[in-house]
Amino acid sequence: MEVNAKIVFELRNRTGAGVMDCKKALAEAGGDLEKACEILRRKGIETAAKKQSRVAKDGLIGAYVHTDGKIGVLVEVNCETDFVARTDEFKNLVKELTLQIAAQNPRWISPEDVPEEVKKSEESIYWQQLAESEKPEAVKQKIVEGKMKKFFEENCLLEQEYIREPGKRVKDLLVETIAKVGENIVVKRFVRFKLGEGDNGE
């Protein structure tokens, strides 16, 4: 089908995908802009997943100090080349991550970074809460898994809900940027300082 240039331009603005990719997605979606966005997002995620095994040693260190001067954040975000590190998309991601950390105070980057003893301690607490319950073991297990998922969503940066877009996780923002810039991106480390408090850790 013939694809309208104006819709191609709008789709490109919304997704950051190339012109040919936009045309193909619109053709596949029968000209439906929302469906085309979903097609590109799906393809972008698939492509990004393949790129996430590649080594990322370049990048930027982002810094943010809240206007009242009482909260400060440093974050190191890695990509594969200096070229991508200088792009607006990458710089914007780093900036958004500093704001996210300042606002939501995560303790770790991902669930894999949470120490095993912390995971075991949390699970133990949840099981104790269910000790008097007459629910079947399988149901209790599901409840504990749900509570652990919530624990990770509250305490791990990549699992947190993105402050600017409810319903989207920080890891989704990362994957979208990987799809746009065409390189692997890794959040290496961060630290958040709050005036009057000790070490908040990573």
N, C-alpha and C. Protein backbone atom coordinates (compact mmCIF):
# COMPACT_ATOMS: atom_id res chain seq x y z
N MET A 1 0.83 -1.21 0.00
CA MET A 1 0.00 0.00 0.00
C MET A 1 0.87 1.27 0.00
N GLU A 2 0.31 2.35 -0.53
CA GLU A 2 1.02 3.63 -0.57
C GLU A 2 0.97 4.27 0.81
N VAL A 3 2.14 4.64 1.36
CA VAL A 3 2.19 5.20 2.72
C VAL A 3 2.34 6.72 2.65
N ASN A 4 1.46 7.41 3.37
CA ASN A 4 1.47 8.87 3.42
C ASN A 4 2.74 9.39 4.08
N ALA A 5 3.44 10.32 3.41
CA ALA A 5 4.72 10.85 3.92
C ALA A 5 4.56 11.55 5.27
N LYS A 6 3.42 12.19 5.47
CA LYS A 6 3.17 12.91 6.73
C LYS A 6 3.10 11.92 7.90
N ILE A 7 2.44 10.77 7.68
CA ILE A 7 2.34 9.76 8.74
C ILE A 7 3.72 9.15 9.02
N VAL A 8 4.49 8.95 7.95
CA VAL A 8 5.86 8.43 8.10
C VAL A 8 6.67 9.37 9.00
N PHE A 9 6.55 10.67 8.72
CA PHE A 9 7.28 11.69 9.49
C PHE A 9 6.84 11.67 10.96
N GLU A 10 5.53 11.54 11.18
CA GLU A 10 5.02 11.52 12.55
C GLU A 10 5.50 10.27 13.30
N LEU A 11 5.48 9.13 12.60
CA LEU A 11 5.94 7.88 13.22
C LEU A 11 7.43 7.96 13.55
N ARG A 12 8.18 8.57 12.65
CA ARG A 12 9.62 8.73 12.87
C ARG A 12 9.88 9.60 14.10
N ASN A 13 9.11 10.67 14.24
CA ASN A 13 9.25 11.57 15.39
C ASN A 13 8.93 10.85 16.70
N ARG A 14 7.93 9.99 16.66
CA ARG A 14 7.48 9.31 17.88
C ARG A 14 8.41 8.17 18.29
N THR A 15 9.01 7.51 17.31
CA THR A 15 9.80 6.31 17.63
C THR A 15 11.31 6.47 17.44
N GLY A 16 11.72 7.45 16.61
CA GLY A 16 13.14 7.60 16.33
C GLY A 16 13.67 6.58 15.33
N ALA A 17 12.77 5.77 14.74
CA ALA A 17 13.18 4.75 13.76
C ALA A 17 13.48 5.39 12.41
N GLY A 18 14.22 4.66 11.57
CA GLY A 18 14.57 5.16 10.24
C GLY A 18 13.36 5.21 9.32
N VAL A 19 13.48 6.00 8.23
CA VAL A 19 12.37 6.20 7.29
C VAL A 19 11.89 4.87 6.71
N MET A 20 12.82 4.03 6.25
CA MET A 20 12.43 2.76 5.63
C MET A 20 11.73 1.84 6.62
N ASP A 21 12.24 1.81 7.87
CA ASP A 21 11.60 0.99 8.90
C ASP A 21 10.19 1.48 9.19
N CYS A 22 10.02 2.81 9.20
CA CYS A 22 8.69 3.40 9.43
C CYS A 22 7.73 3.03 8.31
N LYS A 23 8.21 3.12 7.07
CA LYS A 23 7.37 2.78 5.91
C LYS A 23 6.93 1.32 5.97
N LYS A 24 7.87 0.43 6.31
CA LYS A 24 7.56 -1.00 6.39
C LYS A 24 6.54 -1.28 7.49
N ALA A 25 6.74 -0.63 8.65
CA ALA A 25 5.83 -0.84 9.78
C ALA A 25 4.43 -0.34 9.46
N LEU A 26 4.34 0.82 8.80
CA LEU A 26 3.03 1.37 8.43
C LEU A 26 2.34 0.49 7.40
N ALA A 27 3.11 -0.04 6.46
CA ALA A 27 2.54 -0.94 5.45
C ALA A 27 2.00 -2.20 6.13
N GLU A 28 2.79 -2.72 7.07
CA GLU A 28 2.38 -3.92 7.81
C GLU A 28 1.14 -3.66 8.66
N ALA A 29 1.04 -2.42 9.17
CA ALA A 29 -0.09 -2.05 10.04
C ALA A 29 -1.28 -1.50 9.27
N GLY A 30 -1.19 -1.51 7.93
CA GLY A 30 -2.30 -1.00 7.12
C GLY A 30 -2.53 0.49 7.30
N GLY A 31 -1.45 1.21 7.60
CA GLY A 31 -1.54 2.66 7.76
C GLY A 31 -1.94 3.12 9.16
N ASP A 32 -2.16 2.18 10.07
CA ASP A 32 -2.56 2.52 11.45
C ASP A 32 -1.32 2.93 12.25
N LEU A 33 -1.31 4.18 12.69
CA LEU A 33 -0.14 4.75 13.37
C LEU A 33 0.18 4.03 14.67
N GLU A 34 -0.86 3.77 15.48
CA GLU A 34 -0.64 3.11 16.78
C GLU A 34 -0.10 1.69 16.60
N LYS A 35 -0.67 0.96 15.64
CA LYS A 35 -0.19 -0.40 15.37
C LYS A 35 1.25 -0.38 14.88
N ALA A 36 1.56 0.61 14.03
CA ALA A 36 2.92 0.74 13.51
C ALA A 36 3.91 1.02 14.64
N CYS A 37 3.49 1.85 15.59
CA CYS A 37 4.33 2.14 16.77
C CYS A 37 4.62 0.85 17.53
N GLU A 38 3.59 0.02 17.71
CA GLU A 38 3.74 -1.23 18.44
C GLU A 38 4.67 -2.19 17.70
N ILE A 39 4.52 -2.24 16.36
CA ILE A 39 5.38 -3.10 15.53
C ILE A 39 6.84 -2.69 15.68
N LEU A 40 7.10 -1.37 15.60
CA LEU A 40 8.47 -0.86 15.73
C LEU A 40 9.02 -1.11 17.13
N ARG A 41 8.16 -0.94 18.12
CA ARG A 41 8.58 -1.15 19.51
C ARG A 41 8.99 -2.61 19.70
N ARG A 42 8.15 -3.52 19.15
CA ARG A 42 8.43 -4.95 19.28
C ARG A 42 9.75 -5.31 18.59
N LYS A 43 9.93 -4.80 17.38
CA LYS A 43 11.16 -5.07 16.63
C LYS A 43 12.37 -4.45 17.33
N GLY A 44 12.16 -3.25 17.87
CA GLY A 44 13.23 -2.56 18.59
C GLY A 44 13.67 -3.33 19.81
N ILE A 45 12.71 -3.89 20.52
CA ILE A 45 13.01 -4.67 21.73
C ILE A 45 13.77 -5.94 21.35
N GLU A 46 13.34 -6.59 20.24
CA GLU A 46 14.02 -7.80 19.79
C GLU A 46 15.47 -7.49 19.40
N THR A 47 15.65 -6.38 18.67
CA THR A 47 16.99 -5.97 18.25
C THR A 47 17.84 -5.60 19.45
N ALA A 48 17.23 -4.85 20.39
CA ALA A 48 17.94 -4.41 21.59
C ALA A 48 18.39 -5.61 22.42
N ALA A 49 17.53 -6.62 22.50
CA ALA A 49 17.87 -7.82 23.28
C ALA A 49 19.13 -8.49 22.72
N LYS A 50 19.27 -8.49 21.40
CA LYS A 50 20.47 -9.07 20.78
C LYS A 50 21.71 -8.23 21.10
N LYS A 51 21.53 -6.91 21.20
CA LYS A 51 22.66 -6.01 21.44
C LYS A 51 23.12 -6.03 22.90
N GLN A 52 22.26 -6.50 23.80
CA GLN A 52 22.58 -6.42 25.22
C GLN A 52 23.70 -7.36 25.67
N SER A 53 24.16 -8.23 24.78
CA SER A 53 25.28 -9.10 25.13
C SER A 53 26.62 -8.46 24.75
N ARG A 54 26.56 -7.33 24.03
CA ARG A 54 27.80 -6.70 23.56
C ARG A 54 28.44 -5.85 24.66
N VAL A 55 29.76 -5.74 24.60
CA VAL A 55 30.53 -5.02 25.62
C VAL A 55 30.31 -3.51 25.49
N ALA A 56 30.05 -2.88 26.64
CA ALA A 56 29.85 -1.42 26.66
C ALA A 56 30.86 -0.82 27.63
N LYS A 57 31.86 -0.10 27.07
CA LYS A 57 32.92 0.45 27.92
C LYS A 57 33.06 1.96 27.82
N ASP A 58 32.32 2.56 26.88
CA ASP A 58 32.34 4.02 26.76
C ASP A 58 31.15 4.57 27.55
N GLY A 59 30.81 5.83 27.36
CA GLY A 59 29.62 6.36 28.02
C GLY A 59 29.84 7.67 28.73
N LEU A 60 29.02 7.91 29.74
CA LEU A 60 29.05 9.19 30.47
C LEU A 60 28.80 8.97 31.95
N ILE A 61 29.28 9.92 32.75
CA ILE A 61 28.88 10.00 34.15
C ILE A 61 27.95 11.19 34.26
N GLY A 62 26.73 10.93 34.70
CA GLY A 62 25.75 12.01 34.86
C GLY A 62 25.69 12.47 36.30
N ALA A 63 25.45 13.76 36.49
CA ALA A 63 25.34 14.31 37.84
C ALA A 63 24.09 15.18 37.94
N TYR A 64 23.46 15.10 39.10
CA TYR A 64 22.27 15.95 39.33
C TYR A 64 22.24 16.36 40.80
N VAL A 65 22.00 17.63 41.03
CA VAL A 65 21.81 18.12 42.40
C VAL A 65 20.45 18.81 42.44
N HIS A 66 19.60 18.36 43.35
CA HIS A 66 18.26 18.93 43.47
C HIS A 66 18.34 20.41 43.82
N THR A 67 17.34 21.16 43.38
CA THR A 67 17.39 22.63 43.51
C THR A 67 17.60 23.12 44.94
N ASP A 68 17.15 22.33 45.93
CA ASP A 68 17.36 22.79 47.31
C ASP A 68 18.75 22.41 47.83
N GLY A 69 19.54 21.72 46.99
CA GLY A 69 20.90 21.38 47.36
C GLY A 69 21.02 20.29 48.40
N LYS A 70 19.93 19.54 48.64
CA LYS A 70 19.95 18.54 49.70
C LYS A 70 20.00 17.10 49.19
N ILE A 71 19.82 16.92 47.88
CA ILE A 71 19.93 15.58 47.28
C ILE A 71 20.83 15.68 46.04
N GLY A 72 21.79 14.76 45.95
CA GLY A 72 22.68 14.73 44.78
C GLY A 72 22.83 13.31 44.27
N VAL A 73 23.01 13.18 42.95
CA VAL A 73 23.13 11.86 42.33
C VAL A 73 24.29 11.84 41.34
N LEU A 74 25.04 10.75 41.34
CA LEU A 74 26.03 10.45 40.30
C LEU A 74 25.67 9.09 39.72
N VAL A 75 25.68 8.98 38.39
CA VAL A 75 25.40 7.70 37.76
C VAL A 75 26.35 7.50 36.58
N GLU A 76 26.90 6.28 36.46
CA GLU A 76 27.73 5.93 35.30
C GLU A 76 26.91 5.05 34.37
N VAL A 77 26.76 5.52 33.13
CA VAL A 77 26.02 4.75 32.12
C VAL A 77 26.97 4.47 30.96
N ASN A 78 27.10 3.21 30.59
CA ASN A 78 28.04 2.81 29.54
C ASN A 78 27.34 2.49 28.23
N CYS A 79 28.02 2.82 27.12
CA CYS A 79 27.60 2.41 25.78
C CYS A 79 28.85 1.88 25.08
N GLU A 80 28.74 1.57 23.79
CA GLU A 80 29.86 0.94 23.10
C GLU A 80 30.86 1.92 22.50
N THR A 81 30.40 3.11 22.10
CA THR A 81 31.29 4.07 21.42
C THR A 81 31.11 5.49 21.94
N ASP A 82 32.15 6.30 21.78
CA ASP A 82 32.08 7.70 22.15
C ASP A 82 31.07 8.45 21.29
N PHE A 83 30.90 7.98 20.05
CA PHE A 83 29.94 8.61 19.14
C PHE A 83 28.53 8.59 19.74
N VAL A 84 28.11 7.43 20.22
CA VAL A 84 26.77 7.31 20.82
C VAL A 84 26.70 8.08 22.13
N ALA A 85 27.80 8.07 22.89
CA ALA A 85 27.82 8.80 24.17
C ALA A 85 27.54 10.29 23.97
N ARG A 86 27.85 10.81 22.76
CA ARG A 86 27.65 12.24 22.51
C ARG A 86 26.27 12.55 21.91
N THR A 87 25.47 11.52 21.63
CA THR A 87 24.16 11.77 21.03
C THR A 87 23.17 12.32 22.06
N ASP A 88 22.20 13.06 21.57
CA ASP A 88 21.17 13.63 22.45
C ASP A 88 20.37 12.53 23.15
N GLU A 89 20.10 11.42 22.43
CA GLU A 89 19.31 10.32 23.01
C GLU A 89 20.01 9.74 24.24
N PHE A 90 21.33 9.53 24.12
CA PHE A 90 22.08 8.94 25.22
C PHE A 90 22.19 9.92 26.39
N LYS A 91 22.51 11.19 26.06
CA LYS A 91 22.61 12.21 27.12
C LYS A 91 21.29 12.36 27.86
N ASN A 92 20.19 12.30 27.12
CA ASN A 92 18.87 12.44 27.73
C ASN A 92 18.58 11.26 28.66
N LEU A 93 18.97 10.05 28.22
CA LEU A 93 18.77 8.87 29.07
C LEU A 93 19.53 9.03 30.39
N VAL A 94 20.78 9.45 30.32
CA VAL A 94 21.60 9.63 31.52
C VAL A 94 20.95 10.65 32.46
N LYS A 95 20.46 11.74 31.87
CA LYS A 95 19.79 12.79 32.67
C LYS A 95 18.54 12.24 33.35
N GLU A 96 17.74 11.48 32.59
CA GLU A 96 16.51 10.91 33.13
C GLU A 96 16.81 9.93 34.27
N LEU A 97 17.89 9.19 34.14
CA LEU A 97 18.27 8.23 35.18
C LEU A 97 18.66 8.95 36.47
N THR A 98 19.37 10.09 36.35
CA THR A 98 19.74 10.84 37.56
C THR A 98 18.49 11.36 38.27
N LEU A 99 17.52 11.83 37.49
CA LEU A 99 16.27 12.34 38.07
C LEU A 99 15.49 11.20 38.74
N GLN A 100 15.46 10.04 38.09
CA GLN A 100 14.77 8.87 38.63
C GLN A 100 15.38 8.47 39.97
N ILE A 101 16.71 8.40 40.01
CA ILE A 101 17.40 8.00 41.24
C ILE A 101 17.17 9.02 42.35
N ALA A 102 17.20 10.30 42.00
CA ALA A 102 16.96 11.35 42.99
C ALA A 102 15.55 11.23 43.58
N ALA A 103 14.58 10.97 42.72
CA ALA A 103 13.18 10.96 43.15
C ALA A 103 12.79 9.66 43.87
N GLN A 104 13.29 8.52 43.37
CA GLN A 104 12.79 7.23 43.86
C GLN A 104 13.75 6.45 44.76
N ASN A 105 14.97 6.94 44.89
CA ASN A 105 15.94 6.36 45.82
C ASN A 105 16.07 4.84 45.74
N PRO A 106 16.40 4.29 44.57
CA PRO A 106 16.61 2.84 44.49
C PRO A 106 17.86 2.43 45.26
N ARG A 107 17.90 1.17 45.69
CA ARG A 107 19.06 0.68 46.43
C ARG A 107 20.03 -0.09 45.53
N TRP A 108 19.47 -0.71 44.48
CA TRP A 108 20.30 -1.50 43.56
C TRP A 108 19.90 -1.20 42.12
N ILE A 109 20.70 -1.66 41.16
CA ILE A 109 20.39 -1.45 39.75
C ILE A 109 19.34 -2.44 39.27
N SER A 110 19.53 -3.73 39.57
CA SER A 110 18.60 -4.77 39.11
C SER A 110 18.45 -5.84 40.18
N PRO A 111 17.44 -6.72 40.06
CA PRO A 111 17.26 -7.78 41.06
C PRO A 111 18.50 -8.66 41.21
N GLU A 112 19.28 -8.80 40.12
CA GLU A 112 20.50 -9.62 40.17
C GLU A 112 21.54 -9.03 41.12
N ASP A 113 21.44 -7.71 41.37
CA ASP A 113 22.41 -7.05 42.25
C ASP A 113 22.02 -7.12 43.73
N VAL A 114 20.81 -7.56 44.01
CA VAL A 114 20.37 -7.65 45.41
C VAL A 114 21.08 -8.83 46.07
N PRO A 115 21.79 -8.60 47.18
CA PRO A 115 22.50 -9.69 47.85
C PRO A 115 21.56 -10.84 48.22
N GLU A 116 22.06 -12.06 48.12
CA GLU A 116 21.24 -13.25 48.40
C GLU A 116 20.67 -13.22 49.81
N GLU A 117 21.48 -12.72 50.77
CA GLU A 117 21.00 -12.70 52.15
C GLU A 117 19.81 -11.76 52.32
N VAL A 118 19.79 -10.67 51.53
CA VAL A 118 18.66 -9.73 51.58
C VAL A 118 17.41 -10.39 51.00
N LYS A 119 17.58 -11.08 49.87
CA LYS A 119 16.45 -11.79 49.25
C LYS A 119 15.87 -12.83 50.21
N LYS A 120 16.76 -13.61 50.84
CA LYS A 120 16.31 -14.66 51.76
C LYS A 120 15.59 -14.06 52.96
N SER A 121 16.13 -12.95 53.46
CA SER A 121 15.52 -12.28 54.61
C SER A 121 14.11 -11.78 54.27
N GLU A 122 13.97 -11.16 53.09
CA GLU A 122 12.65 -10.66 52.66
C GLU A 122 11.66 -11.82 52.51
N GLU A 123 12.10 -12.89 51.84
CA GLU A 123 11.22 -14.05 51.65
C GLU A 123 10.79 -14.63 52.99
N SER A 124 11.73 -14.69 53.92
CA SER A 124 11.45 -15.23 55.25
C SER A 124 10.37 -14.42 55.96
N ILE A 125 10.47 -13.10 55.84
CA ILE A 125 9.47 -12.21 56.45
C ILE A 125 8.09 -12.48 55.85
N TYR A 126 8.03 -12.60 54.52
CA TYR A 126 6.74 -12.82 53.85
C TYR A 126 6.14 -14.17 54.22
N TRP A 127 7.00 -15.19 54.34
CA TRP A 127 6.50 -16.50 54.76
C TRP A 127 5.97 -16.47 56.20
N GLN A 128 6.68 -15.73 57.05
CA GLN A 128 6.23 -15.60 58.45
C GLN A 128 4.86 -14.93 58.52
N GLN A 129 4.65 -13.94 57.65
CA GLN A 129 3.36 -13.24 57.62
C GLN A 129 2.21 -14.18 57.25
N LEU A 130 2.56 -15.24 56.52
CA LEU A 130 1.53 -16.19 56.06
C LEU A 130 1.44 -17.43 56.95
N ALA A 131 2.21 -17.44 58.04
CA ALA A 131 2.32 -18.64 58.89
C ALA A 131 0.95 -19.11 59.41
N GLU A 132 0.10 -18.15 59.77
CA GLU A 132 -1.21 -18.50 60.34
C GLU A 132 -2.27 -18.73 59.27
N SER A 133 -1.91 -18.46 58.04
CA SER A 133 -2.89 -18.59 56.94
C SER A 133 -3.18 -20.05 56.62
N GLU A 134 -4.43 -20.32 56.27
CA GLU A 134 -4.83 -21.68 55.92
C GLU A 134 -4.82 -21.90 54.40
N LYS A 135 -4.28 -20.91 53.69
CA LYS A 135 -4.20 -21.02 52.23
C LYS A 135 -3.28 -22.18 51.84
N PRO A 136 -3.54 -22.82 50.69
CA PRO A 136 -2.65 -23.89 50.21
C PRO A 136 -1.24 -23.36 49.98
N GLU A 137 -0.26 -24.27 50.08
CA GLU A 137 1.15 -23.88 49.91
C GLU A 137 1.41 -23.21 48.56
N ALA A 138 0.76 -23.74 47.52
CA ALA A 138 0.96 -23.17 46.18
C ALA A 138 0.48 -21.72 46.12
N VAL A 139 -0.60 -21.43 46.81
CA VAL A 139 -1.13 -20.06 46.85
C VAL A 139 -0.18 -19.16 47.64
N LYS A 140 0.30 -19.69 48.78
CA LYS A 140 1.27 -18.93 49.58
C LYS A 140 2.52 -18.60 48.76
N GLN A 141 2.98 -19.59 47.99
CA GLN A 141 4.17 -19.39 47.14
C GLN A 141 3.94 -18.26 46.16
N LYS A 142 2.76 -18.23 45.55
CA LYS A 142 2.41 -17.17 44.59
C LYS A 142 2.40 -15.80 45.28
N ILE A 143 1.88 -15.76 46.50
CA ILE A 143 1.82 -14.51 47.26
C ILE A 143 3.23 -14.00 47.56
N VAL A 144 4.10 -14.92 48.00
CA VAL A 144 5.49 -14.55 48.31
C VAL A 144 6.19 -14.04 47.04
N GLU A 145 5.98 -14.73 45.93
CA GLU A 145 6.58 -14.30 44.66
C GLU A 145 6.09 -12.90 44.27
N GLY A 146 4.81 -12.65 44.49
CA GLY A 146 4.23 -11.33 44.19
C GLY A 146 4.84 -10.24 45.06
N LYS A 147 5.04 -10.57 46.34
CA LYS A 147 5.63 -9.59 47.26
C LYS A 147 7.10 -9.32 46.92
N MET A 148 7.82 -10.36 46.49
CA MET A 148 9.22 -10.18 46.08
C MET A 148 9.30 -9.31 44.82
N LYS A 149 8.36 -9.53 43.90
CA LYS A 149 8.32 -8.73 42.68
C LYS A 149 8.12 -7.25 43.05
N LYS A 150 7.22 -7.00 43.99
CA LYS A 150 6.97 -5.62 44.43
C LYS A 150 8.21 -5.04 45.12
N PHE A 151 8.89 -5.86 45.90
CA PHE A 151 10.12 -5.42 46.57
C PHE A 151 11.16 -4.98 45.54
N PHE A 152 11.33 -5.78 44.47
CA PHE A 152 12.28 -5.42 43.40
C PHE A 152 11.84 -4.15 42.68
N GLU A 153 10.54 -4.01 42.45
CA GLU A 153 10.03 -2.84 41.74
C GLU A 153 10.24 -1.55 42.55
N GLU A 154 10.25 -1.69 43.85
CA GLU A 154 10.45 -0.51 44.71
C GLU A 154 11.92 -0.19 44.91
N ASN A 155 12.78 -1.22 44.89
CA ASN A 155 14.17 -1.02 45.30
C ASN A 155 15.22 -1.14 44.19
N CYS A 156 14.85 -1.65 43.02
CA CYS A 156 15.80 -1.82 41.92
C CYS A 156 15.50 -0.81 40.81
N LEU A 157 16.49 -0.01 40.46
CA LEU A 157 16.32 1.06 39.49
C LEU A 157 15.62 0.61 38.21
N LEU A 158 16.10 -0.47 37.58
CA LEU A 158 15.57 -0.89 36.30
C LEU A 158 14.13 -1.41 36.39
N GLU A 159 13.73 -1.87 37.58
CA GLU A 159 12.37 -2.40 37.76
C GLU A 159 11.38 -1.31 38.18
N GLN A 160 11.89 -0.15 38.58
CA GLN A 160 11.01 0.93 39.06
C GLN A 160 10.15 1.49 37.93
N GLU A 161 8.98 2.01 38.33
CA GLU A 161 8.13 2.70 37.37
C GLU A 161 8.80 4.03 37.02
N TYR A 162 8.86 4.32 35.72
CA TYR A 162 9.49 5.54 35.23
C TYR A 162 8.67 6.75 35.69
N ILE A 163 9.32 7.70 36.37
CA ILE A 163 8.61 8.82 36.99
C ILE A 163 7.83 9.68 36.00
N ARG A 164 8.27 9.73 34.76
CA ARG A 164 7.59 10.58 33.78
C ARG A 164 6.46 9.87 33.03
N GLU A 165 6.42 8.54 33.14
CA GLU A 165 5.44 7.80 32.36
C GLU A 165 4.94 6.58 33.13
N PRO A 166 3.91 6.76 33.94
CA PRO A 166 3.36 5.63 34.70
C PRO A 166 3.01 4.46 33.78
N GLY A 167 3.30 3.26 34.24
CA GLY A 167 3.04 2.08 33.43
C GLY A 167 4.27 1.61 32.69
N LYS A 168 5.26 2.49 32.56
CA LYS A 168 6.52 2.13 31.89
C LYS A 168 7.60 1.94 32.96
N ARG A 169 8.41 0.90 32.79
CA ARG A 169 9.52 0.66 33.70
C ARG A 169 10.79 1.34 33.18
N VAL A 170 11.73 1.58 34.08
CA VAL A 170 13.00 2.19 33.68
C VAL A 170 13.72 1.28 32.67
N LYS A 171 13.59 -0.03 32.85
CA LYS A 171 14.24 -0.95 31.91
C LYS A 171 13.65 -0.81 30.50
N ASP A 172 12.36 -0.44 30.40
CA ASP A 172 11.74 -0.20 29.08
C ASP A 172 12.36 1.03 28.42
N LEU A 173 12.61 2.05 29.23
CA LEU A 173 13.25 3.27 28.73
C LEU A 173 14.65 2.94 28.20
N LEU A 174 15.35 2.09 28.92
CA LEU A 174 16.70 1.67 28.52
C LEU A 174 16.66 0.92 27.17
N VAL A 175 15.73 -0.01 27.06
CA VAL A 175 15.60 -0.81 25.84
C VAL A 175 15.22 0.08 24.65
N GLU A 176 14.32 1.03 24.87
CA GLU A 176 13.93 1.95 23.79
C GLU A 176 15.12 2.75 23.30
N THR A 177 15.99 3.19 24.23
CA THR A 177 17.17 3.96 23.84
C THR A 177 18.17 3.09 23.09
N ILE A 178 18.33 1.84 23.53
CA ILE A 178 19.20 0.89 22.83
C ILE A 178 18.73 0.74 21.38
N ALA A 179 17.42 0.60 21.21
CA ALA A 179 16.84 0.43 19.87
C ALA A 179 17.10 1.67 19.01
N LYS A 180 17.05 2.86 19.63
CA LYS A 180 17.25 4.11 18.87
C LYS A 180 18.71 4.31 18.48
N VAL A 181 19.63 4.08 19.41
CA VAL A 181 21.04 4.40 19.13
C VAL A 181 21.80 3.24 18.49
N GLY A 182 21.23 2.04 18.58
CA GLY A 182 21.87 0.88 17.92
C GLY A 182 23.06 0.30 18.64
N GLU A 183 23.19 0.61 19.94
CA GLU A 183 24.30 0.05 20.73
C GLU A 183 23.77 -0.45 22.07
N ASN A 184 24.54 -1.36 22.66
CA ASN A 184 24.20 -1.80 24.00
C ASN A 184 24.42 -0.66 25.00
N ILE A 185 23.57 -0.57 26.00
CA ILE A 185 23.70 0.43 27.06
C ILE A 185 23.55 -0.28 28.40
N VAL A 186 24.45 0.04 29.33
CA VAL A 186 24.45 -0.59 30.64
C VAL A 186 24.54 0.48 31.72
N VAL A 187 23.66 0.39 32.72
CA VAL A 187 23.81 1.24 33.91
C VAL A 187 24.83 0.55 34.80
N LYS A 188 26.00 1.17 34.91
CA LYS A 188 27.13 0.53 35.60
C LYS A 188 27.04 0.67 37.12
N ARG A 189 26.81 1.88 37.59
CA ARG A 189 26.75 2.13 39.05
C ARG A 189 26.15 3.49 39.31
N PHE A 190 25.69 3.68 40.53
CA PHE A 190 25.17 5.00 40.91
C PHE A 190 25.33 5.20 42.41
N VAL A 191 25.28 6.44 42.80
CA VAL A 191 25.25 6.78 44.23
C VAL A 191 24.32 7.97 44.41
N ARG A 192 23.57 7.94 45.49
CA ARG A 192 22.63 9.03 45.81
C ARG A 192 22.98 9.56 47.19
N PHE A 193 23.20 10.85 47.27
CA PHE A 193 23.52 11.50 48.54
C PHE A 193 22.32 12.31 49.02
N LYS A 194 22.03 12.19 50.30
CA LYS A 194 21.03 13.06 50.92
C LYS A 194 21.68 13.74 52.11
N LEU A 195 21.57 15.04 52.15
CA LEU A 195 22.21 15.83 53.22
C LEU A 195 21.85 15.29 54.59
N GLY A 196 22.88 15.06 55.41
CA GLY A 196 22.64 14.62 56.78
C GLY A 196 22.56 13.11 56.95
N GLU A 197 22.57 12.37 55.82
CA GLU A 197 22.50 10.91 55.91
C GLU A 197 23.84 10.29 55.62
N GLY A 198 24.05 9.05 56.04
CA GLY A 198 25.29 8.34 55.76
C GLY A 198 25.26 7.79 54.35
N ASP A 199 26.09 6.78 54.10
CA ASP A 199 26.21 6.17 52.77
C ASP A 199 24.92 5.45 52.40
N ASN A 200 24.32 5.87 51.27
CA ASN A 200 23.09 5.22 50.79
C ASN A 200 23.37 4.01 49.94
N GLY A 201 24.63 3.85 49.54
CA GLY A 201 25.00 2.68 48.74
C GLY A 201 24.49 2.77 47.33
N GLU A 202 24.66 1.66 46.63
CA GLU A 202 24.22 1.59 45.24
C GLU A 202 22.97 0.76 45.12
